[in-house]
Amino acid sequence: MRAISAFASMQKPLHCSLALLTSIALSVNVSAQPSSAVIAGRAVEDLTGNGVTMDDTPIANRILHLFRDNGDGVFSATSDTLIKSETTKRDGAYAFRNLAAGTYFVRQSLPAFWVQ
């Protein structure tokens, strides 16, 4: 199982709610000053199936896509707007910076021949 962990942060207080939709997508509702929020975290491989823990292996060089929700609260790669793409670092870390208030989905691109 692949897991993406994330947190939202900014320079001023914000309200955010995280909900793991699947092991590859999550929804973040960011209420912040324009272009001041960050969605960041680590992509890890949960080989034991026990959830996100310290023994998980980081996933390096994985492409993650940030989509802005079209307002229906349901992820759709065809109707939600692709905002940015990032590649995870060696330790699995990623960050989407300078985000406006809104609801976002983070989705990873799986390597060829992988299935979810």
N, C-alpha and C. Protein backbone atom coordinates (compact mmCIF):
# COMPACT_ATOMS: atom_id res chain seq x y z
N MET A 1 0.84 -1.16 0.00
CA MET A 1 0.00 0.00 0.00
C MET A 1 0.89 1.23 0.00
N ARG A 2 0.57 2.21 -0.80
CA ARG A 2 1.29 3.48 -0.83
C ARG A 2 0.47 4.49 -0.04
N ALA A 3 1.14 5.34 0.69
CA ALA A 3 0.43 6.35 1.48
C ALA A 3 1.07 7.70 1.26
N ILE A 4 0.27 8.71 1.32
CA ILE A 4 0.74 10.08 1.25
C ILE A 4 0.34 10.74 2.56
N SER A 5 1.30 11.27 3.27
CA SER A 5 0.95 12.03 4.47
C SER A 5 1.12 13.50 4.14
N ALA A 6 0.32 14.34 4.77
CA ALA A 6 0.37 15.77 4.43
C ALA A 6 -0.03 16.61 5.62
N PHE A 7 0.39 17.85 5.57
CA PHE A 7 -0.10 18.83 6.51
C PHE A 7 -0.19 20.15 5.76
N ALA A 8 -1.02 21.04 6.26
CA ALA A 8 -1.14 22.37 5.65
C ALA A 8 -0.58 23.37 6.65
N SER A 9 0.16 24.34 6.16
CA SER A 9 0.69 25.35 7.05
C SER A 9 0.74 26.68 6.32
N MET A 10 0.84 27.75 7.07
CA MET A 10 0.96 29.08 6.50
C MET A 10 1.51 30.02 7.55
N GLN A 11 1.71 31.27 7.19
CA GLN A 11 2.29 32.23 8.11
C GLN A 11 1.29 32.69 9.17
N LYS A 12 0.01 32.70 8.87
CA LYS A 12 -1.03 33.10 9.81
C LYS A 12 -1.91 31.89 10.11
N PRO A 13 -2.69 31.92 11.22
CA PRO A 13 -3.53 30.77 11.54
C PRO A 13 -4.48 30.44 10.39
N LEU A 14 -4.77 29.14 10.24
CA LEU A 14 -5.69 28.72 9.20
C LEU A 14 -6.51 27.56 9.70
N HIS A 15 -7.63 27.36 9.05
CA HIS A 15 -8.46 26.19 9.34
C HIS A 15 -8.24 25.21 8.20
N CYS A 16 -7.93 23.98 8.53
CA CYS A 16 -7.80 22.98 7.47
C CYS A 16 -8.34 21.67 7.98
N SER A 17 -8.85 20.90 7.06
CA SER A 17 -9.29 19.55 7.41
C SER A 17 -8.67 18.60 6.41
N LEU A 18 -8.09 17.52 6.91
CA LEU A 18 -7.47 16.52 6.05
C LEU A 18 -8.30 15.27 6.08
N ALA A 19 -8.55 14.70 4.93
CA ALA A 19 -9.27 13.44 4.86
C ALA A 19 -8.60 12.57 3.81
N LEU A 20 -8.09 11.44 4.22
CA LEU A 20 -7.45 10.53 3.28
C LEU A 20 -8.54 9.87 2.45
N LEU A 21 -8.59 10.20 1.15
CA LEU A 21 -9.61 9.64 0.28
C LEU A 21 -9.25 8.23 -0.17
N THR A 22 -8.01 8.06 -0.55
CA THR A 22 -7.47 6.74 -0.87
C THR A 22 -6.01 6.81 -0.47
N SER A 23 -5.28 5.79 -0.77
CA SER A 23 -3.86 5.83 -0.42
C SER A 23 -3.08 6.76 -1.35
N ILE A 24 -3.72 7.30 -2.39
CA ILE A 24 -2.98 8.18 -3.28
C ILE A 24 -3.59 9.57 -3.41
N ALA A 25 -4.70 9.84 -2.77
CA ALA A 25 -5.30 11.17 -2.91
C ALA A 25 -5.78 11.64 -1.56
N LEU A 26 -5.69 12.93 -1.32
CA LEU A 26 -6.23 13.50 -0.11
C LEU A 26 -6.84 14.84 -0.43
N SER A 27 -7.73 15.28 0.43
CA SER A 27 -8.40 16.56 0.25
C SER A 27 -7.96 17.49 1.36
N VAL A 28 -7.63 18.71 1.03
CA VAL A 28 -7.24 19.71 2.02
C VAL A 28 -8.05 20.96 1.77
N ASN A 29 -8.75 21.43 2.78
CA ASN A 29 -9.50 22.67 2.68
C ASN A 29 -8.67 23.74 3.35
N VAL A 30 -8.19 24.71 2.58
CA VAL A 30 -7.29 25.73 3.08
C VAL A 30 -8.04 27.06 3.13
N SER A 31 -8.16 27.64 4.33
CA SER A 31 -8.72 28.98 4.50
C SER A 31 -7.58 29.87 4.95
N ALA A 32 -7.09 30.71 4.06
CA ALA A 32 -5.90 31.49 4.36
C ALA A 32 -5.91 32.79 3.58
N GLN A 33 -4.95 33.63 3.89
CA GLN A 33 -4.75 34.82 3.09
C GLN A 33 -4.35 34.38 1.69
N PRO A 34 -4.70 35.16 0.66
CA PRO A 34 -4.35 34.75 -0.70
C PRO A 34 -2.88 34.39 -0.85
N SER A 35 -2.65 33.27 -1.48
CA SER A 35 -1.30 32.79 -1.83
C SER A 35 -0.36 32.68 -0.64
N SER A 36 -0.87 32.25 0.53
CA SER A 36 0.00 32.15 1.68
C SER A 36 0.00 30.76 2.32
N ALA A 37 -0.77 29.83 1.80
CA ALA A 37 -0.84 28.50 2.41
C ALA A 37 0.12 27.53 1.73
N VAL A 38 0.45 26.45 2.47
CA VAL A 38 1.34 25.40 1.99
C VAL A 38 0.70 24.06 2.29
N ILE A 39 0.74 23.16 1.33
CA ILE A 39 0.38 21.76 1.56
C ILE A 39 1.69 20.98 1.38
N ALA A 40 2.10 20.27 2.43
CA ALA A 40 3.38 19.57 2.40
C ALA A 40 3.28 18.26 3.15
N GLY A 41 4.20 17.36 2.87
CA GLY A 41 4.21 16.08 3.57
C GLY A 41 5.28 15.17 3.03
N ARG A 42 5.10 13.87 3.25
CA ARG A 42 6.04 12.85 2.77
C ARG A 42 5.26 11.73 2.11
N ALA A 43 5.79 11.24 1.01
CA ALA A 43 5.24 10.04 0.37
C ALA A 43 6.05 8.86 0.88
N VAL A 44 5.36 7.85 1.39
CA VAL A 44 6.03 6.68 1.96
C VAL A 44 5.36 5.41 1.47
N GLU A 45 6.12 4.31 1.53
CA GLU A 45 5.58 3.00 1.19
C GLU A 45 5.34 2.22 2.48
N ASP A 46 4.09 1.87 2.71
CA ASP A 46 3.71 1.14 3.92
C ASP A 46 3.73 -0.35 3.62
N LEU A 47 4.89 -0.97 3.74
CA LEU A 47 5.05 -2.38 3.41
C LEU A 47 4.37 -3.31 4.40
N THR A 48 4.19 -2.85 5.64
CA THR A 48 3.59 -3.69 6.67
C THR A 48 2.08 -3.56 6.72
N GLY A 49 1.52 -2.55 6.08
CA GLY A 49 0.08 -2.34 6.08
C GLY A 49 -0.47 -1.84 7.40
N ASN A 50 0.40 -1.25 8.24
CA ASN A 50 -0.04 -0.80 9.56
C ASN A 50 -0.26 0.72 9.62
N GLY A 51 -0.46 1.36 8.47
CA GLY A 51 -0.66 2.81 8.46
C GLY A 51 0.67 3.55 8.41
N VAL A 52 0.60 4.85 8.41
CA VAL A 52 1.81 5.67 8.33
C VAL A 52 2.54 5.63 9.67
N THR A 53 3.75 5.01 9.66
CA THR A 53 4.57 4.90 10.87
C THR A 53 6.02 5.19 10.51
N MET A 54 6.87 5.25 11.52
CA MET A 54 8.28 5.59 11.32
C MET A 54 9.05 4.53 10.51
N ASP A 55 8.53 3.30 10.42
CA ASP A 55 9.24 2.25 9.69
C ASP A 55 8.95 2.27 8.19
N ASP A 56 8.13 3.19 7.72
CA ASP A 56 7.78 3.25 6.30
C ASP A 56 8.94 3.80 5.48
N THR A 57 9.09 3.25 4.28
CA THR A 57 10.16 3.64 3.38
C THR A 57 9.75 4.86 2.56
N PRO A 58 10.59 5.91 2.53
CA PRO A 58 10.26 7.09 1.72
C PRO A 58 10.20 6.74 0.23
N ILE A 59 9.32 7.39 -0.50
CA ILE A 59 9.21 7.22 -1.95
C ILE A 59 9.83 8.44 -2.61
N ALA A 60 11.01 8.27 -3.19
CA ALA A 60 11.72 9.36 -3.86
C ALA A 60 11.32 9.44 -5.33
N ASN A 61 11.43 10.63 -5.89
CA ASN A 61 11.21 10.86 -7.32
C ASN A 61 9.82 10.47 -7.81
N ARG A 62 8.82 10.58 -6.95
CA ARG A 62 7.43 10.31 -7.35
C ARG A 62 6.78 11.63 -7.72
N ILE A 63 6.09 11.67 -8.84
CA ILE A 63 5.42 12.90 -9.26
C ILE A 63 4.06 12.99 -8.59
N LEU A 64 3.82 14.13 -7.93
CA LEU A 64 2.55 14.41 -7.27
C LEU A 64 1.89 15.59 -7.98
N HIS A 65 0.58 15.52 -8.11
CA HIS A 65 -0.18 16.58 -8.79
C HIS A 65 -1.15 17.20 -7.79
N LEU A 66 -1.23 18.52 -7.83
CA LEU A 66 -2.16 19.26 -6.98
C LEU A 66 -3.31 19.77 -7.84
N PHE A 67 -4.53 19.36 -7.50
CA PHE A 67 -5.72 19.78 -8.21
C PHE A 67 -6.56 20.66 -7.30
N ARG A 68 -7.18 21.70 -7.85
CA ARG A 68 -8.12 22.52 -7.10
C ARG A 68 -9.53 22.00 -7.38
N ASP A 69 -10.29 21.78 -6.31
CA ASP A 69 -11.64 21.25 -6.42
C ASP A 69 -12.53 22.21 -7.20
N ASN A 70 -13.39 21.67 -8.04
CA ASN A 70 -14.32 22.49 -8.82
C ASN A 70 -15.55 22.89 -8.02
N GLY A 71 -15.61 22.51 -6.75
CA GLY A 71 -16.72 22.90 -5.89
C GLY A 71 -17.66 21.78 -5.52
N ASP A 72 -17.47 20.58 -6.13
CA ASP A 72 -18.38 19.48 -5.81
C ASP A 72 -17.86 18.58 -4.70
N GLY A 73 -16.62 18.80 -4.25
CA GLY A 73 -16.06 18.01 -3.16
C GLY A 73 -15.65 16.59 -3.54
N VAL A 74 -15.66 16.28 -4.84
CA VAL A 74 -15.31 14.95 -5.33
C VAL A 74 -14.16 15.09 -6.32
N PHE A 75 -13.10 14.30 -6.13
CA PHE A 75 -11.96 14.41 -7.03
C PHE A 75 -12.30 13.87 -8.41
N SER A 76 -11.93 14.64 -9.44
CA SER A 76 -12.04 14.21 -10.83
C SER A 76 -10.90 14.87 -11.60
N ALA A 77 -10.02 14.04 -12.18
CA ALA A 77 -8.89 14.58 -12.94
C ALA A 77 -9.35 15.33 -14.18
N THR A 78 -10.57 15.08 -14.64
CA THR A 78 -11.07 15.76 -15.83
C THR A 78 -11.77 17.08 -15.53
N SER A 79 -12.41 17.20 -14.35
CA SER A 79 -13.14 18.43 -14.07
C SER A 79 -12.47 19.33 -13.04
N ASP A 80 -11.59 18.80 -12.20
CA ASP A 80 -10.84 19.65 -11.26
C ASP A 80 -9.62 20.21 -11.98
N THR A 81 -9.18 21.39 -11.55
CA THR A 81 -8.08 22.09 -12.24
C THR A 81 -6.72 21.66 -11.69
N LEU A 82 -5.84 21.22 -12.59
CA LEU A 82 -4.46 20.91 -12.20
C LEU A 82 -3.74 22.22 -11.93
N ILE A 83 -3.25 22.41 -10.70
CA ILE A 83 -2.60 23.65 -10.29
C ILE A 83 -1.08 23.56 -10.44
N LYS A 84 -0.49 22.50 -9.88
CA LYS A 84 0.96 22.33 -9.88
C LYS A 84 1.30 20.86 -9.84
N SER A 85 2.54 20.55 -10.21
CA SER A 85 3.09 19.20 -10.03
C SER A 85 4.43 19.34 -9.32
N GLU A 86 4.75 18.38 -8.48
CA GLU A 86 6.00 18.35 -7.71
C GLU A 86 6.56 16.94 -7.78
N THR A 87 7.87 16.82 -7.64
CA THR A 87 8.52 15.52 -7.53
C THR A 87 9.04 15.38 -6.12
N THR A 88 8.77 14.24 -5.50
CA THR A 88 9.22 14.04 -4.13
C THR A 88 10.74 13.99 -4.06
N LYS A 89 11.27 14.46 -2.95
CA LYS A 89 12.71 14.46 -2.69
C LYS A 89 13.15 13.06 -2.27
N ARG A 90 14.43 12.89 -2.01
CA ARG A 90 14.98 11.59 -1.61
C ARG A 90 14.30 11.04 -0.36
N ASP A 91 13.91 11.94 0.56
CA ASP A 91 13.25 11.51 1.79
C ASP A 91 11.73 11.44 1.65
N GLY A 92 11.21 11.57 0.42
CA GLY A 92 9.78 11.51 0.16
C GLY A 92 9.06 12.84 0.36
N ALA A 93 9.78 13.87 0.77
CA ALA A 93 9.17 15.15 1.08
C ALA A 93 8.68 15.87 -0.18
N TYR A 94 7.59 16.61 -0.03
CA TYR A 94 7.07 17.45 -1.09
C TYR A 94 6.40 18.67 -0.47
N ALA A 95 6.23 19.72 -1.25
CA ALA A 95 5.54 20.92 -0.76
C ALA A 95 4.94 21.67 -1.94
N PHE A 96 3.69 22.05 -1.79
CA PHE A 96 3.01 22.95 -2.72
C PHE A 96 2.83 24.27 -1.97
N ARG A 97 3.48 25.32 -2.45
CA ARG A 97 3.52 26.60 -1.73
C ARG A 97 2.69 27.67 -2.44
N ASN A 98 2.45 28.75 -1.71
CA ASN A 98 1.75 29.93 -2.24
C ASN A 98 0.37 29.60 -2.77
N LEU A 99 -0.41 28.89 -1.96
CA LEU A 99 -1.75 28.49 -2.36
C LEU A 99 -2.80 29.47 -1.85
N ALA A 100 -3.79 29.72 -2.66
CA ALA A 100 -4.93 30.53 -2.26
C ALA A 100 -5.89 29.65 -1.46
N ALA A 101 -6.81 30.26 -0.74
CA ALA A 101 -7.81 29.52 0.01
C ALA A 101 -8.60 28.63 -0.94
N GLY A 102 -8.94 27.44 -0.51
CA GLY A 102 -9.72 26.54 -1.34
C GLY A 102 -9.57 25.10 -0.90
N THR A 103 -10.20 24.22 -1.65
CA THR A 103 -10.10 22.78 -1.40
C THR A 103 -9.26 22.17 -2.51
N TYR A 104 -8.29 21.37 -2.11
CA TYR A 104 -7.33 20.79 -3.05
C TYR A 104 -7.28 19.28 -2.90
N PHE A 105 -6.87 18.61 -3.97
CA PHE A 105 -6.61 17.18 -3.97
C PHE A 105 -5.17 16.96 -4.39
N VAL A 106 -4.46 16.06 -3.69
CA VAL A 106 -3.09 15.69 -4.07
C VAL A 106 -3.16 14.25 -4.57
N ARG A 107 -2.60 14.02 -5.75
CA ARG A 107 -2.64 12.69 -6.35
C ARG A 107 -1.26 12.35 -6.90
N GLN A 108 -0.84 11.12 -6.70
CA GLN A 108 0.45 10.70 -7.22
C GLN A 108 0.28 10.03 -8.58
N SER A 109 1.32 10.11 -9.40
CA SER A 109 1.38 9.37 -10.66
C SER A 109 2.08 8.05 -10.37
N LEU A 110 1.40 6.96 -10.61
CA LEU A 110 2.00 5.65 -10.36
C LEU A 110 2.92 5.27 -11.50
N PRO A 111 4.02 4.58 -11.19
CA PRO A 111 4.93 4.10 -12.24
C PRO A 111 4.19 3.14 -13.19
N ALA A 112 4.75 2.95 -14.38
CA ALA A 112 4.18 2.04 -15.37
C ALA A 112 3.98 0.65 -14.76
N PHE A 113 2.88 0.03 -15.07
CA PHE A 113 2.51 -1.33 -14.67
C PHE A 113 2.12 -1.47 -13.20
N TRP A 114 2.07 -0.35 -12.45
CA TRP A 114 1.57 -0.41 -11.08
C TRP A 114 0.07 -0.24 -11.13
N VAL A 115 -0.61 -0.85 -10.18
CA VAL A 115 -2.06 -0.69 -10.07
C VAL A 115 -2.39 -0.26 -8.66
N GLN A 116 -3.49 0.45 -8.53
CA GLN A 116 -3.95 0.91 -7.21
C GLN A 116 -5.00 -0.04 -6.70
